């Protein structure tokens, strides 16, 4: 993929594949799977300021595994990989 650098308080995420097999060993077809909301942080923007001039900070760093809002971001597809560009406030948690 070409180098993508998010602007402002946006973050580039690589969507992680969801497990297609249950713990008991049954395979779940793609049509029955709910889309995962876990992703790895690939790149972060420089931050920015809001309409009041207050500095916006980004709460994640490269390599973090995060959970994001279900309908968040702009989707980008590169081969079998799916990426999202989301605003910092669309990331709801970091998985430790």
PDB file of N, CA and C in Angstrom:
ATOM      1  N   UNK A   1       0.848  -1.173   0.000  1.00  0.00           N
ATOM      2  CA  UNK A   1       0.000   0.000   0.000  1.00  0.00           C
ATOM      3  C   UNK A   1       0.890   1.231   0.000  1.00  0.00           C
ATOM      4  N   UNK A   2       0.444   2.234  -0.717  1.00  0.00           N
ATOM      5  CA  UNK A   2       1.166   3.505  -0.741  1.00  0.00           C
ATOM      6  C   UNK A   2       1.154   4.105   0.657  1.00  0.00           C
ATOM      7  N   UNK A   3       2.123   4.919   0.937  1.00  0.00           N
ATOM      8  CA  UNK A   3       2.211   5.541   2.249  1.00  0.00           C
ATOM      9  C   UNK A   3       1.045   6.512   2.445  1.00  0.00           C
ATOM     10  N   UNK A   4       0.291   6.297   3.501  1.00  0.00           N
ATOM     11  CA  UNK A   4      -0.855   7.151   3.824  1.00  0.00           C
ATOM     12  C   UNK A   4      -0.583   7.804   5.166  1.00  0.00           C
ATOM     13  N   UNK A   5      -0.633   9.117   5.211  1.00  0.00           N
ATOM     14  CA  UNK A   5      -0.424   9.868   6.453  1.00  0.00           C
ATOM     15  C   UNK A   5      -1.720  10.593   6.788  1.00  0.00           C
ATOM     16  N   UNK A   6      -2.426  10.168   7.849  1.00  0.00           N
ATOM     17  CA  UNK A   6      -3.666  10.841   8.241  1.00  0.00           C
ATOM     18  C   UNK A   6      -3.397  12.293   8.645  1.00  0.00           C
ATOM     19  N   UNK A   7      -4.376  13.138   8.432  1.00  0.00           N
ATOM     20  CA  UNK A   7      -4.275  14.549   8.806  1.00  0.00           C
ATOM     21  C   UNK A   7      -5.025  14.825  10.095  1.00  0.00           C
ATOM     22  N   UNK A   8      -4.667  15.895  10.772  1.00  0.00           N
ATOM     23  CA  UNK A   8      -5.366  16.311  11.988  1.00  0.00           C
ATOM     24  C   UNK A   8      -5.343  15.241  13.066  1.00  0.00           C
ATOM     25  N   UNK A   9      -6.516  14.999  13.663  1.00  0.00           N
ATOM     26  CA  UNK A   9      -6.603  14.020  14.753  1.00  0.00           C
ATOM     27  C   UNK A   9      -7.080  12.656  14.248  1.00  0.00           C
ATOM     28  N   UNK A  10      -6.787  12.353  12.998  1.00  0.00           N
ATOM     29  CA  UNK A  10      -7.227  11.084  12.420  1.00  0.00           C
ATOM     30  C   UNK A  10      -6.160  10.009  12.586  1.00  0.00           C
ATOM     31  N   UNK A  11      -6.624   8.736  12.526  1.00  0.00           N
ATOM     32  CA  UNK A  11      -5.770   7.583  12.753  1.00  0.00           C
ATOM     33  C   UNK A  11      -6.024   6.560  11.648  1.00  0.00           C
ATOM     34  N   UNK A  12      -4.949   5.971  11.092  1.00  0.00           N
ATOM     35  CA  UNK A  12      -5.068   4.904  10.101  1.00  0.00           C
ATOM     36  C   UNK A  12      -5.030   3.573  10.830  1.00  0.00           C
ATOM     37  N   UNK A  13      -6.079   2.767  10.635  1.00  0.00           N
ATOM     38  CA  UNK A  13      -6.201   1.469  11.289  1.00  0.00           C
ATOM     39  C   UNK A  13      -6.194   0.352  10.265  1.00  0.00           C
ATOM     40  N   UNK A  14      -5.593  -0.781  10.613  1.00  0.00           N
ATOM     41  CA  UNK A  14      -5.690  -1.994   9.806  1.00  0.00           C
ATOM     42  C   UNK A  14      -6.677  -2.907  10.513  1.00  0.00           C
ATOM     43  N   UNK A  15      -7.791  -3.189   9.845  1.00  0.00           N
ATOM     44  CA  UNK A  15      -8.841  -4.018  10.436  1.00  0.00           C
ATOM     45  C   UNK A  15      -8.308  -5.436  10.598  1.00  0.00           C
ATOM     46  N   UNK A  16      -8.487  -5.996  11.795  1.00  0.00           N
ATOM     47  CA  UNK A  16      -8.015  -7.353  12.080  1.00  0.00           C
ATOM     48  C   UNK A  16      -9.063  -8.366  11.662  1.00  0.00           C
ATOM     49  N   UNK A  17      -8.595  -9.497  11.127  1.00  0.00           N
ATOM     50  CA  UNK A  17      -9.498 -10.572  10.714  1.00  0.00           C
ATOM     51  C   UNK A  17     -10.181 -11.171  11.925  1.00  0.00           C
ATOM     52  N   UNK A  18     -11.448 -11.503  11.737  1.00  0.00           N
ATOM     53  CA  UNK A  18     -12.205 -12.124  12.814  1.00  0.00           C
ATOM     54  C   UNK A  18     -12.007 -13.627  12.748  1.00  0.00           C
ATOM     55  N   UNK A  19     -12.010 -14.250  13.901  1.00  0.00           N
ATOM     56  CA  UNK A  19     -11.891 -15.700  13.994  1.00  0.00           C
ATOM     57  C   UNK A  19     -13.079 -16.337  13.282  1.00  0.00           C
ATOM     58  N   UNK A  20     -12.823 -17.257  12.355  1.00  0.00           N
ATOM     59  CA  UNK A  20     -13.907 -17.888  11.603  1.00  0.00           C
ATOM     60  C   UNK A  20     -14.258 -19.261  12.156  1.00  0.00           C
ATOM     61  N   UNK A  21     -13.715 -19.588  13.328  1.00  0.00           N
ATOM     62  CA  UNK A  21     -13.979 -20.889  13.944  1.00  0.00           C
ATOM     63  C   UNK A  21     -14.348 -20.675  15.405  1.00  0.00           C
ATOM     64  N   UNK A  22     -15.368 -21.382  15.870  1.00  0.00           N
ATOM     65  CA  UNK A  22     -15.770 -21.269  17.271  1.00  0.00           C
ATOM     66  C   UNK A  22     -14.796 -22.028  18.157  1.00  0.00           C
ATOM     67  N   UNK A  23     -14.910 -21.838  19.460  1.00  0.00           N
ATOM     68  CA  UNK A  23     -14.025 -22.527  20.396  1.00  0.00           C
ATOM     69  C   UNK A  23     -14.220 -24.039  20.368  1.00  0.00           C
ATOM     70  N   UNK A  24     -15.398 -24.485  19.918  1.00  0.00           N
ATOM     71  CA  UNK A  24     -15.650 -25.925  19.821  1.00  0.00           C
ATOM     72  C   UNK A  24     -15.225 -26.510  18.478  1.00  0.00           C
ATOM     73  N   UNK A  25     -14.702 -25.656  17.564  1.00  0.00           N
ATOM     74  CA  UNK A  25     -14.161 -26.148  16.309  1.00  0.00           C
ATOM     75  C   UNK A  25     -15.076 -26.014  15.105  1.00  0.00           C
ATOM     76  N   UNK A  26     -16.248 -25.412  15.275  1.00  0.00           N
ATOM     77  CA  UNK A  26     -17.160 -25.228  14.151  1.00  0.00           C
ATOM     78  C   UNK A  26     -16.764 -23.995  13.352  1.00  0.00           C
ATOM     79  N   UNK A  27     -16.818 -24.098  12.022  1.00  0.00           N
ATOM     80  CA  UNK A  27     -16.505 -22.957  11.167  1.00  0.00           C
ATOM     81  C   UNK A  27     -17.752 -22.118  10.938  1.00  0.00           C
ATOM     82  N   UNK A  28     -17.585 -20.804  11.016  1.00  0.00           N
ATOM     83  CA  UNK A  28     -18.697 -19.870  10.820  1.00  0.00           C
ATOM     84  C   UNK A  28     -18.560 -19.280   9.412  1.00  0.00           C
ATOM     85  N   UNK A  29     -19.588 -19.403   8.574  1.00  0.00           N
ATOM     86  CA  UNK A  29     -19.489 -18.822   7.224  1.00  0.00           C
ATOM     87  C   UNK A  29     -19.432 -17.301   7.275  1.00  0.00           C
ATOM     88  N   UNK A  30     -18.798 -16.692   6.267  1.00  0.00           N
ATOM     89  CA  UNK A  30     -18.649 -15.228   6.222  1.00  0.00           C
ATOM     90  C   UNK A  30     -19.981 -14.507   6.325  1.00  0.00           C
ATOM     91  N   UNK A  31     -21.035 -15.076   5.738  1.00  0.00           N
ATOM     92  CA  UNK A  31     -22.340 -14.418   5.744  1.00  0.00           C
ATOM     93  C   UNK A  31     -22.960 -14.366   7.131  1.00  0.00           C
ATOM     94  N   UNK A  32     -22.537 -15.233   8.037  1.00  0.00           N
ATOM     95  CA  UNK A  32     -23.100 -15.271   9.384  1.00  0.00           C
ATOM     96  C   UNK A  32     -22.249 -14.505  10.400  1.00  0.00           C
ATOM     97  N   UNK A  33     -21.087 -14.046   9.990  1.00  0.00           N
ATOM     98  CA  UNK A  33     -20.198 -13.357  10.923  1.00  0.00           C
ATOM     99  C   UNK A  33     -20.539 -11.876  11.007  1.00  0.00           C
ATOM    100  N   UNK A  34     -20.489 -11.363  12.214  1.00  0.00           N
ATOM    101  CA  UNK A  34     -20.613  -9.924  12.391  1.00  0.00           C
ATOM    102  C   UNK A  34     -19.225  -9.325  12.212  1.00  0.00           C
ATOM    103  N   UNK A  35     -19.164  -8.179  11.586  1.00  0.00           N
ATOM    104  CA  UNK A  35     -17.890  -7.529  11.296  1.00  0.00           C
ATOM    105  C   UNK A  35     -17.156  -7.177  12.594  1.00  0.00           C
ATOM    106  N   UNK A  36     -15.879  -7.493  12.616  1.00  0.00           N
ATOM    107  CA  UNK A  36     -15.070  -7.177  13.789  1.00  0.00           C
ATOM    108  C   UNK A  36     -14.903  -5.668  13.937  1.00  0.00           C
ATOM    109  N   UNK A  37     -14.678  -5.222  15.139  1.00  0.00           N
ATOM    110  CA  UNK A  37     -14.434  -3.807  15.405  1.00  0.00           C
ATOM    111  C   UNK A  37     -13.074  -3.631  16.051  1.00  0.00           C
ATOM    112  N   UNK A  38     -12.174  -4.615  15.835  1.00  0.00           N
ATOM    113  CA  UNK A  38     -10.819  -4.526  16.359  1.00  0.00           C
ATOM    114  C   UNK A  38      -9.868  -4.209  15.224  1.00  0.00           C
ATOM    115  N   UNK A  39      -8.879  -3.368  15.523  1.00  0.00           N
ATOM    116  CA  UNK A  39      -7.917  -2.979  14.502  1.00  0.00           C
ATOM    117  C   UNK A  39      -6.587  -2.625  15.140  1.00  0.00           C
ATOM    118  N   UNK A  40      -5.547  -2.629  14.309  1.00  0.00           N
ATOM    119  CA  UNK A  40      -4.215  -2.217  14.744  1.00  0.00           C
ATOM    120  C   UNK A  40      -3.943  -0.813  14.220  1.00  0.00           C
ATOM    121  N   UNK A  41      -3.365   0.022  15.079  1.00  0.00           N
ATOM    122  CA  UNK A  41      -3.006   1.380  14.678  1.00  0.00           C
ATOM    123  C   UNK A  41      -1.756   1.313  13.798  1.00  0.00           C
ATOM    124  N   UNK A  42      -1.869   1.804  12.563  1.00  0.00           N
ATOM    125  CA  UNK A  42      -0.765   1.789  11.614  1.00  0.00           C
ATOM    126  C   UNK A  42      -0.056   3.141  11.571  1.00  0.00           C
ATOM    127  N   UNK A  43      -0.825   4.213  11.581  1.00  0.00           N
ATOM    128  CA  UNK A  43      -0.262   5.567  11.478  1.00  0.00           C
ATOM    129  C   UNK A  43      -1.187   6.539  12.187  1.00  0.00           C
ATOM    130  N   UNK A  44      -0.626   7.589  12.755  1.00  0.00           N
ATOM    131  CA  UNK A  44      -1.440   8.615  13.411  1.00  0.00           C
ATOM    132  C   UNK A  44      -1.142   9.984  12.808  1.00  0.00           C
ATOM    133  N   UNK A  45      -2.145  10.849  12.854  1.00  0.00           N
ATOM    134  CA  UNK A  45      -1.974  12.214  12.364  1.00  0.00           C
ATOM    135  C   UNK A  45      -1.235  13.069  13.384  1.00  0.00           C
ATOM    136  N   UNK A  46      -0.935  14.311  13.012  1.00  0.00           N
ATOM    137  CA  UNK A  46      -0.163  15.195  13.891  1.00  0.00           C
ATOM    138  C   UNK A  46      -0.973  15.832  15.014  1.00  0.00           C
ATOM    139  N   UNK A  47      -2.293  15.617  15.038  1.00  0.00           N
ATOM    140  CA  UNK A  47      -3.137  16.308  16.012  1.00  0.00           C
ATOM    141  C   UNK A  47      -3.723  17.536  15.344  1.00  0.00           C
ATOM    142  N   UNK A  48      -4.022  18.541  16.081  1.00  0.00           N
ATOM    143  CA  UNK A  48      -4.589  19.754  15.506  1.00  0.00           C
ATOM    144  C   UNK A  48      -5.259  20.566  16.582  1.00  0.00           C
ATOM    145  N   UNK A  49      -6.176  21.454  16.176  1.00  0.00           N
ATOM    146  CA  UNK A  49      -6.920  22.262  17.123  1.00  0.00           C
ATOM    147  C   UNK A  49      -8.403  22.198  16.795  1.00  0.00           C
ATOM    148  N   UNK A  50      -9.243  22.352  17.814  1.00  0.00           N
ATOM    149  CA  UNK A  50     -10.687  22.371  17.586  1.00  0.00           C
ATOM    150  C   UNK A  50     -11.119  23.791  17.231  1.00  0.00           C
ATOM    151  N   UNK A  51     -12.429  24.004  17.106  1.00  0.00           N
ATOM    152  CA  UNK A  51     -12.930  25.324  16.679  1.00  0.00           C
ATOM    153  C   UNK A  51     -12.638  26.433  17.687  1.00  0.00           C
ATOM    154  N   UNK A  52     -12.374  26.058  18.948  1.00  0.00           N
ATOM    155  CA  UNK A  52     -12.041  27.050  19.970  1.00  0.00           C
ATOM    156  C   UNK A  52     -10.533  27.265  20.118  1.00  0.00           C
ATOM    157  N   UNK A  53      -9.750  26.599  19.273  1.00  0.00           N
ATOM    158  CA  UNK A  53      -8.300  26.734  19.339  1.00  0.00           C
ATOM    159  C   UNK A  53      -7.646  25.829  20.361  1.00  0.00           C
ATOM    160  N   UNK A  54      -8.416  24.942  20.972  1.00  0.00           N
ATOM    161  CA  UNK A  54      -7.873  24.006  21.962  1.00  0.00           C
ATOM    162  C   UNK A  54      -7.146  22.867  21.239  1.00  0.00           C
ATOM    163  N   UNK A  55      -5.969  22.516  21.723  1.00  0.00           N
ATOM    164  CA  UNK A  55      -5.147  21.472  21.098  1.00  0.00           C
ATOM    165  C   UNK A  55      -5.815  20.106  21.220  1.00  0.00           C
ATOM    166  N   UNK A  56      -5.910  19.387  20.082  1.00  0.00           N
ATOM    167  CA  UNK A  56      -6.452  18.029  20.073  1.00  0.00           C
ATOM    168  C   UNK A  56      -5.301  17.046  20.194  1.00  0.00           C
ATOM    169  N   UNK A  57      -5.405  16.112  21.128  1.00  0.00           N
ATOM    170  CA  UNK A  57      -4.362  15.107  21.295  1.00  0.00           C
ATOM    171  C   UNK A  57      -4.866  13.764  20.782  1.00  0.00           C
ATOM    172  N   UNK A  58      -3.933  12.919  20.420  1.00  0.00           N
ATOM    173  CA  UNK A  58      -4.279  11.582  19.950  1.00  0.00           C
ATOM    174  C   UNK A  58      -3.897  10.609  21.055  1.00  0.00           C
ATOM    175  N   UNK A  59      -4.860   9.773  21.442  1.00  0.00           N
ATOM    176  CA  UNK A  59      -4.713   8.935  22.629  1.00  0.00           C
ATOM    177  C   UNK A  59      -4.096   7.566  22.365  1.00  0.00           C
ATOM    178  N   UNK A  60      -3.710   7.271  21.126  1.00  0.00           N
ATOM    179  CA  UNK A  60      -3.153   5.953  20.790  1.00  0.00           C
ATOM    180  C   UNK A  60      -1.790   6.137  20.131  1.00  0.00           C
ATOM    181  N   UNK A  61      -1.059   5.022  20.004  1.00  0.00           N
ATOM    182  CA  UNK A  61       0.233   5.065  19.322  1.00  0.00           C
ATOM    183  C   UNK A  61       0.314   3.903  18.336  1.00  0.00           C
ATOM    184  N   UNK A  62       1.272   3.962  17.432  1.00  0.00           N
ATOM    185  CA  UNK A  62       1.447   2.901  16.443  1.00  0.00           C
ATOM    186  C   UNK A  62       1.591   1.557  17.141  1.00  0.00           C
ATOM    187  N   UNK A  63       0.918   0.535  16.596  1.00  0.00           N
ATOM    188  CA  UNK A  63       1.017  -0.814  17.150  1.00  0.00           C
ATOM    189  C   UNK A  63      -0.071  -1.155  18.152  1.00  0.00           C
ATOM    190  N   UNK A  64      -0.781  -0.157  18.684  1.00  0.00           N
ATOM    191  CA  UNK A  64      -1.875  -0.430  19.621  1.00  0.00           C
ATOM    192  C   UNK A  64      -2.985  -1.208  18.924  1.00  0.00           C
ATOM    193  N   UNK A  65      -3.622  -2.108  19.659  1.00  0.00           N
ATOM    194  CA  UNK A  65      -4.824  -2.797  19.183  1.00  0.00           C
ATOM    195  C   UNK A  65      -6.003  -2.079  19.828  1.00  0.00           C
ATOM    196  N   UNK A  66      -6.946  -1.624  19.003  1.00  0.00           N
ATOM    197  CA  UNK A  66      -8.039  -0.788  19.494  1.00  0.00           C
ATOM    198  C   UNK A  66      -9.389  -1.334  19.057  1.00  0.00           C
ATOM    199  N   UNK A  67     -10.422  -0.853  19.734  1.00  0.00           N
ATOM    200  CA  UNK A  67     -11.811  -1.107  19.353  1.00  0.00           C
ATOM    201  C   UNK A  67     -12.374   0.244  18.917  1.00  0.00           C
ATOM    202  N   UNK A  68     -13.068   0.246  17.765  1.00  0.00           N
ATOM    203  CA  UNK A  68     -13.589   1.493  17.216  1.00  0.00           C
ATOM    204  C   UNK A  68     -15.099   1.405  17.050  1.00  0.00           C
ATOM    205  N   UNK A  69     -15.755   2.560  16.891  1.00  0.00           N
ATOM    206  CA  UNK A  69     -17.201   2.614  16.666  1.00  0.00           C
ATOM    207  C   UNK A  69     -17.578   1.791  15.441  1.00  0.00           C
ATOM    208  N   UNK A  70     -18.745   1.175  15.497  1.00  0.00           N
ATOM    209  CA  UNK A  70     -19.178   0.251  14.450  1.00  0.00           C
ATOM    210  C   UNK A  70     -19.230   0.873  13.060  1.00  0.00           C
ATOM    211  N   UNK A  71     -19.726   2.085  12.930  1.00  0.00           N
ATOM    212  CA  UNK A  71     -19.873   2.708  11.613  1.00  0.00           C
ATOM    213  C   UNK A  71     -18.866   3.831  11.395  1.00  0.00           C
ATOM    214  N   UNK A  72     -17.704   3.705  12.002  1.00  0.00           N
ATOM    215  CA  UNK A  72     -16.699   4.768  11.972  1.00  0.00           C
ATOM    216  C   UNK A  72     -15.875   4.746  10.690  1.00  0.00           C
ATOM    217  N   UNK A  73     -15.380   5.897  10.341  1.00  0.00           N
ATOM    218  CA  UNK A  73     -14.296   6.022   9.391  1.00  0.00           C
ATOM    219  C   UNK A  73     -14.591   5.888   7.920  1.00  0.00           C
ATOM    220  N   UNK A  74     -13.504   6.041   7.167  1.00  0.00           N
ATOM    221  CA  UNK A  74     -13.488   5.895   5.712  1.00  0.00           C
ATOM    222  C   UNK A  74     -12.739   4.609   5.406  1.00  0.00           C
ATOM    223  N   UNK A  75     -13.389   3.692   4.662  1.00  0.00           N
ATOM    224  CA  UNK A  75     -12.782   2.399   4.357  1.00  0.00           C
ATOM    225  C   UNK A  75     -11.866   2.493   3.149  1.00  0.00           C
ATOM    226  N   UNK A  76     -10.731   1.797   3.242  1.00  0.00           N
ATOM    227  CA  UNK A  76      -9.773   1.691   2.149  1.00  0.00           C
ATOM    228  C   UNK A  76      -9.425   0.220   2.019  1.00  0.00           C
ATOM    229  N   UNK A  77      -9.456  -0.314   0.806  1.00  0.00           N
ATOM    230  CA  UNK A  77      -9.148  -1.727   0.585  1.00  0.00           C
ATOM    231  C   UNK A  77      -7.864  -1.820  -0.234  1.00  0.00           C
ATOM    232  N   UNK A  78      -6.955  -2.716   0.174  1.00  0.00           N
ATOM    233  CA  UNK A  78      -5.711  -2.970  -0.555  1.00  0.00           C
ATOM    234  C   UNK A  78      -5.497  -4.470  -0.593  1.00  0.00           C
ATOM    235  N   UNK A  79      -5.857  -5.091  -1.700  1.00  0.00           N
ATOM    236  CA  UNK A  79      -5.764  -6.545  -1.789  1.00  0.00           C
ATOM    237  C   UNK A  79      -6.706  -7.183  -0.787  1.00  0.00           C
ATOM    238  N   UNK A  80      -6.170  -8.035   0.080  1.00  0.00           N
ATOM    239  CA  UNK A  80      -6.979  -8.687   1.117  1.00  0.00           C
ATOM    240  C   UNK A  80      -7.034  -7.874   2.401  1.00  0.00           C
ATOM    241  N   UNK A  81      -6.293  -6.791   2.467  1.00  0.00           N
ATOM    242  CA  UNK A  81      -6.250  -5.973   3.677  1.00  0.00           C
ATOM    243  C   UNK A  81      -7.284  -4.854   3.612  1.00  0.00           C
ATOM    244  N   UNK A  82      -7.914  -4.609   4.756  1.00  0.00           N
ATOM    245  CA  UNK A  82      -8.877  -3.524   4.855  1.00  0.00           C
ATOM    246  C   UNK A  82      -8.367  -2.522   5.885  1.00  0.00           C
ATOM    247  N   UNK A  83      -8.400  -1.247   5.502  1.00  0.00           N
ATOM    248  CA  UNK A  83      -7.939  -0.174   6.366  1.00  0.00           C
ATOM    249  C   UNK A  83      -9.087   0.800   6.622  1.00  0.00           C
ATOM    250  N   UNK A  84      -8.969   1.537   7.703  1.00  0.00           N
ATOM    251  CA  UNK A  84      -9.921   2.592   8.028  1.00  0.00           C
ATOM    252  C   UNK A  84      -9.153   3.834   8.439  1.00  0.00           C
ATOM    253  N   UNK A  85      -9.665   4.987   8.039  1.00  0.00           N
ATOM    254  CA  UNK A  85      -9.164   6.245   8.595  1.00  0.00           C
ATOM    255  C   UNK A  85     -10.285   6.770   9.473  1.00  0.00           C
ATOM    256  N   UNK A  86     -10.011   6.849  10.780  1.00  0.00           N
ATOM    257  CA  UNK A  86     -11.022   7.271  11.750  1.00  0.00           C
ATOM    258  C   UNK A  86     -10.529   8.482  12.522  1.00  0.00           C
ATOM    259  N   UNK A  87     -11.463   9.217  13.067  1.00  0.00           N
ATOM    260  CA  UNK A  87     -11.134  10.322  13.953  1.00  0.00           C
ATOM    261  C   UNK A  87     -10.743   9.734  15.307  1.00  0.00           C
ATOM    262  N   UNK A  88      -9.869  10.400  16.024  1.00  0.00           N
ATOM    263  CA  UNK A  88      -9.435   9.932  17.336  1.00  0.00           C
ATOM    264  C   UNK A  88     -10.618   9.639  18.259  1.00  0.00           C
ATOM    265  N   UNK A  89     -11.676  10.443  18.191  1.00  0.00           N
ATOM    266  CA  UNK A  89     -12.811  10.237  19.099  1.00  0.00           C
ATOM    267  C   UNK A  89     -13.719   9.072  18.682  1.00  0.00           C
ATOM    268  N   UNK A  90     -13.451   8.427  17.538  1.00  0.00           N
ATOM    269  CA  UNK A  90     -14.187   7.222  17.139  1.00  0.00           C
ATOM    270  C   UNK A  90     -13.541   5.948  17.679  1.00  0.00           C
ATOM    271  N   UNK A  91     -12.377   6.082  18.289  1.00  0.00           N
ATOM    272  CA  UNK A  91     -11.716   4.944  18.935  1.00  0.00           C
ATOM    273  C   UNK A  91     -12.221   4.917  20.382  1.00  0.00           C
ATOM    274  N   UNK A  92     -12.802   3.777  20.771  1.00  0.00           N
ATOM    275  CA  UNK A  92     -13.431   3.722  22.090  1.00  0.00           C
ATOM    276  C   UNK A  92     -12.591   3.032  23.164  1.00  0.00           C
ATOM    277  N   UNK A  93     -11.598   2.215  22.759  1.00  0.00           N
ATOM    278  CA  UNK A  93     -10.795   1.515  23.766  1.00  0.00           C
ATOM    279  C   UNK A  93      -9.497   1.016  23.159  1.00  0.00           C
ATOM    280  N   UNK A  94      -8.492   0.874  24.015  1.00  0.00           N
ATOM    281  CA  UNK A  94      -7.226   0.235  23.652  1.00  0.00           C
ATOM    282  C   UNK A  94      -7.190  -1.091  24.389  1.00  0.00           C
ATOM    283  N   UNK A  95      -6.874  -2.170  23.675  1.00  0.00           N
ATOM    284  CA  UNK A  95      -6.798  -3.490  24.304  1.00  0.00           C
ATOM    285  C   UNK A  95      -5.388  -3.670  24.855  1.00  0.00           C
ATOM    286  N   UNK A  96      -5.301  -3.906  26.160  1.00  0.00           N
ATOM    287  CA  UNK A  96      -4.007  -4.044  26.821  1.00  0.00           C
ATOM    288  C   UNK A  96      -3.495  -5.458  26.731  1.00  0.00           C
TER     289      UNK A  96
END
